Amino acid sequence: MAQFDVHRNPGRATREVPYVVVLQSAWFDSHPRRLVAPLLLVSAGRTLGLATHMPQFEIEGHAVLLDPLQCQPVPRTQLGAPVASLADDESASRIIAAMDEVLTRVYG
């Protein structure tokens, strides 16, 4: 289970949120939980917001958006095998930029 691995959503609302992506670094591998962010299905009714705030990816042929405002810890035992990885430089940079926007002190 590596940083930026994509797993099927082990929780509810799998129709709208079919996947989650692991955010935490390997520094915390010994912890029993993983901090994940949901990957929401892109739909006609969903507003994209800022491209940097909610970057879009394609997982198993589905267009999904990262939602950095709904991060949560999940027991690592509930995450199955990864179905994809967003660890390539471009994808990882877009995830980090989205998380930086949430955490930056620039706005307040």
C-alpha atoms as a PDB file:
ATOM      1  CA  MET A   1       0.000   0.000   0.000  1.00  0.00           C
ATOM      2  CA  ALA A   2       1.893   3.029  -1.272  1.00  0.00           C
ATOM      3  CA  GLN A   3       1.296   6.751  -1.384  1.00  0.00           C
ATOM      4  CA  PHE A   4      -1.049   7.630  -4.260  1.00  0.00           C
ATOM      5  CA  ASP A   5      -2.299   4.067  -4.684  1.00  0.00           C
ATOM      6  CA  VAL A   6      -5.949   4.002  -5.737  1.00  0.00           C
ATOM      7  CA  HIS A   7      -8.304   1.524  -4.059  1.00  0.00           C
ATOM      8  CA  ARG A   8     -11.970   0.739  -4.448  1.00  0.00           C
ATOM      9  CA  ASN A   9     -14.013   2.658  -1.894  1.00  0.00           C
ATOM     10  CA  PRO A  10     -14.502   0.360   1.117  1.00  0.00           C
ATOM     11  CA  GLY A  11     -17.299   2.550   2.500  1.00  0.00           C
ATOM     12  CA  ARG A  12     -20.743   3.638   1.466  1.00  0.00           C
ATOM     13  CA  ALA A  13     -21.709   5.808  -1.511  1.00  0.00           C
ATOM     14  CA  THR A  14     -19.664   3.730  -3.936  1.00  0.00           C
ATOM     15  CA  ARG A  15     -21.837   4.892  -6.848  1.00  0.00           C
ATOM     16  CA  GLU A  16     -20.660   8.478  -6.476  1.00  0.00           C
ATOM     17  CA  VAL A  17     -17.281   7.677  -4.902  1.00  0.00           C
ATOM     18  CA  PRO A  18     -16.004   4.474  -6.477  1.00  0.00           C
ATOM     19  CA  TYR A  19     -12.371   4.997  -5.446  1.00  0.00           C
ATOM     20  CA  VAL A  20     -10.130   6.504  -2.788  1.00  0.00           C
ATOM     21  CA  VAL A  21      -6.485   7.491  -3.092  1.00  0.00           C
ATOM     22  CA  VAL A  22      -3.930   7.042  -0.302  1.00  0.00           C
ATOM     23  CA  LEU A  23      -2.376  10.384   0.625  1.00  0.00           C
ATOM     24  CA  GLN A  24       0.038   9.654   3.450  1.00  0.00           C
ATOM     25  CA  SER A  25       3.694   9.015   2.891  1.00  0.00           C
ATOM     26  CA  ALA A  26       5.644   5.867   3.667  1.00  0.00           C
ATOM     27  CA  TRP A  27       6.853   7.616   6.831  1.00  0.00           C
ATOM     28  CA  PHE A  28       3.564   6.464   8.429  1.00  0.00           C
ATOM     29  CA  ASP A  29       3.467   2.892   7.063  1.00  0.00           C
ATOM     30  CA  SER A  30       3.443   1.386  10.545  1.00  0.00           C
ATOM     31  CA  HIS A  31       0.220   3.209  11.443  1.00  0.00           C
ATOM     32  CA  PRO A  32      -2.912   0.991  11.269  1.00  0.00           C
ATOM     33  CA  ARG A  33      -4.851   3.599   9.268  1.00  0.00           C
ATOM     34  CA  ARG A  34      -4.348   5.311   5.927  1.00  0.00           C
ATOM     35  CA  LEU A  35      -5.362   8.883   5.183  1.00  0.00           C
ATOM     36  CA  VAL A  36      -7.360   8.771   1.964  1.00  0.00           C
ATOM     37  CA  ALA A  37      -9.183  11.253  -0.241  1.00  0.00           C
ATOM     38  CA  PRO A  38     -12.264  10.315  -2.235  1.00  0.00           C
ATOM     39  CA  LEU A  39     -12.236  10.177  -6.016  1.00  0.00           C
ATOM     40  CA  LEU A  40     -15.709  11.305  -7.126  1.00  0.00           C
ATOM     41  CA  LEU A  41     -17.278  10.346 -10.424  1.00  0.00           C
ATOM     42  CA  VAL A  42     -17.540  13.244 -12.827  1.00  0.00           C
ATOM     43  CA  SER A  43     -21.182  13.789 -13.642  1.00  0.00           C
ATOM     44  CA  ALA A  44     -23.165  16.322 -15.621  1.00  0.00           C
ATOM     45  CA  GLY A  45     -24.504  17.933 -12.467  1.00  0.00           C
ATOM     46  CA  ARG A  46     -21.210  18.228 -10.597  1.00  0.00           C
ATOM     47  CA  THR A  47     -19.316  21.511 -10.717  1.00  0.00           C
ATOM     48  CA  LEU A  48     -15.603  21.073 -11.171  1.00  0.00           C
ATOM     49  CA  GLY A  49     -14.488  24.073  -9.128  1.00  0.00           C
ATOM     50  CA  LEU A  50     -10.904  25.092  -9.664  1.00  0.00           C
ATOM     51  CA  ALA A  51      -8.890  22.624 -11.697  1.00  0.00           C
ATOM     52  CA  THR A  52      -6.100  22.785  -9.127  1.00  0.00           C
ATOM     53  CA  HIS A  53      -8.461  22.303  -6.187  1.00  0.00           C
ATOM     54  CA  MET A  54     -10.214  19.231  -7.646  1.00  0.00           C
ATOM     55  CA  PRO A  55      -7.925  17.680 -10.252  1.00  0.00           C
ATOM     56  CA  GLN A  56      -9.434  15.157 -12.643  1.00  0.00           C
ATOM     57  CA  PHE A  57      -8.009  11.701 -13.338  1.00  0.00           C
ATOM     58  CA  GLU A  58      -9.080   8.597 -15.231  1.00  0.00           C
ATOM     59  CA  ILE A  59      -9.315   5.311 -13.314  1.00  0.00           C
ATOM     60  CA  GLU A  60     -10.435   2.123 -15.057  1.00  0.00           C
ATOM     61  CA  GLY A  61     -12.099   4.196 -17.775  1.00  0.00           C
ATOM     62  CA  HIS A  62     -13.975   6.432 -15.301  1.00  0.00           C
ATOM     63  CA  ALA A  63     -13.377  10.185 -15.069  1.00  0.00           C
ATOM     64  CA  VAL A  64     -12.983  11.057 -11.376  1.00  0.00           C
ATOM     65  CA  LEU A  65     -12.228  14.166  -9.328  1.00  0.00           C
ATOM     66  CA  LEU A  66     -10.097  14.327  -6.206  1.00  0.00           C
ATOM     67  CA  ASP A  67     -12.012  15.924  -3.332  1.00  0.00           C
ATOM     68  CA  PRO A  68      -9.377  17.128  -0.849  1.00  0.00           C
ATOM     69  CA  LEU A  69     -11.994  18.490   1.561  1.00  0.00           C
ATOM     70  CA  GLN A  70     -13.325  15.021   2.391  1.00  0.00           C
ATOM     71  CA  CYS A  71     -10.141  13.271   3.507  1.00  0.00           C
ATOM     72  CA  GLN A  72     -10.517  10.656   6.199  1.00  0.00           C
ATOM     73  CA  PRO A  73      -8.562   7.878   7.883  1.00  0.00           C
ATOM     74  CA  VAL A  74      -9.466   4.321   6.884  1.00  0.00           C
ATOM     75  CA  PRO A  75      -8.153   1.152   8.541  1.00  0.00           C
ATOM     76  CA  ARG A  76      -5.593  -0.306   6.173  1.00  0.00           C
ATOM     77  CA  THR A  77      -7.250  -3.714   6.618  1.00  0.00           C
ATOM     78  CA  GLN A  78     -10.348  -2.340   4.842  1.00  0.00           C
ATOM     79  CA  LEU A  79      -8.457  -1.300   1.732  1.00  0.00           C
ATOM     80  CA  GLY A  80      -8.183  -4.060  -0.811  1.00  0.00           C
ATOM     81  CA  ALA A  81      -5.555  -4.390  -3.482  1.00  0.00           C
ATOM     82  CA  PRO A  82      -4.774  -1.222  -5.425  1.00  0.00           C
ATOM     83  CA  VAL A  83      -6.534  -0.880  -8.784  1.00  0.00           C
ATOM     84  CA  ALA A  84      -4.307   1.946 -10.058  1.00  0.00           C
ATOM     85  CA  SER A  85      -1.576   4.339  -9.025  1.00  0.00           C
ATOM     86  CA  LEU A  86      -1.388   8.111  -9.314  1.00  0.00           C
ATOM     87  CA  ALA A  87       2.268   8.179  -8.258  1.00  0.00           C
ATOM     88  CA  ASP A  88       3.618   9.367 -11.602  1.00  0.00           C
ATOM     89  CA  ASP A  89       5.177  12.828 -11.342  1.00  0.00           C
ATOM     90  CA  GLU A  90       2.330  14.723 -13.039  1.00  0.00           C
ATOM     91  CA  SER A  91      -0.513  13.078 -11.080  1.00  0.00           C
ATOM     92  CA  ALA A  92       1.328  13.235  -7.755  1.00  0.00           C
ATOM     93  CA  SER A  93       2.117  16.917  -8.311  1.00  0.00           C
ATOM     94  CA  ARG A  94      -1.548  17.680  -9.005  1.00  0.00           C
ATOM     95  CA  ILE A  95      -2.637  15.857  -5.820  1.00  0.00           C
ATOM     96  CA  ILE A  96      -0.028  17.666  -3.734  1.00  0.00           C
ATOM     97  CA  ALA A  97      -1.062  21.032  -5.233  1.00  0.00           C
ATOM     98  CA  ALA A  98      -4.712  20.350  -4.342  1.00  0.00           C
ATOM     99  CA  MET A  99      -3.783  19.464  -0.771  1.00  0.00           C
ATOM    100  CA  ASP A 100      -1.555  22.545  -0.555  1.00  0.00           C
ATOM    101  CA  GLU A 101      -4.510  24.744  -1.506  1.00  0.00           C
ATOM    102  CA  VAL A 102      -6.495  23.302   1.388  1.00  0.00           C
ATOM    103  CA  LEU A 103      -3.645  23.815   3.869  1.00  0.00           C
ATOM    104  CA  THR A 104      -2.113  27.079   2.684  1.00  0.00           C
ATOM    105  CA  ARG A 105      -2.172  30.102   4.972  1.00  0.00           C
ATOM    106  CA  VAL A 106      -2.390  32.513   2.048  1.00  0.00           C
ATOM    107  CA  TYR A 107      -6.153  32.935   2.426  1.00  0.00           C
ATOM    108  CA  GLY A 108      -6.455  33.151   6.089  1.00  0.00           C
END
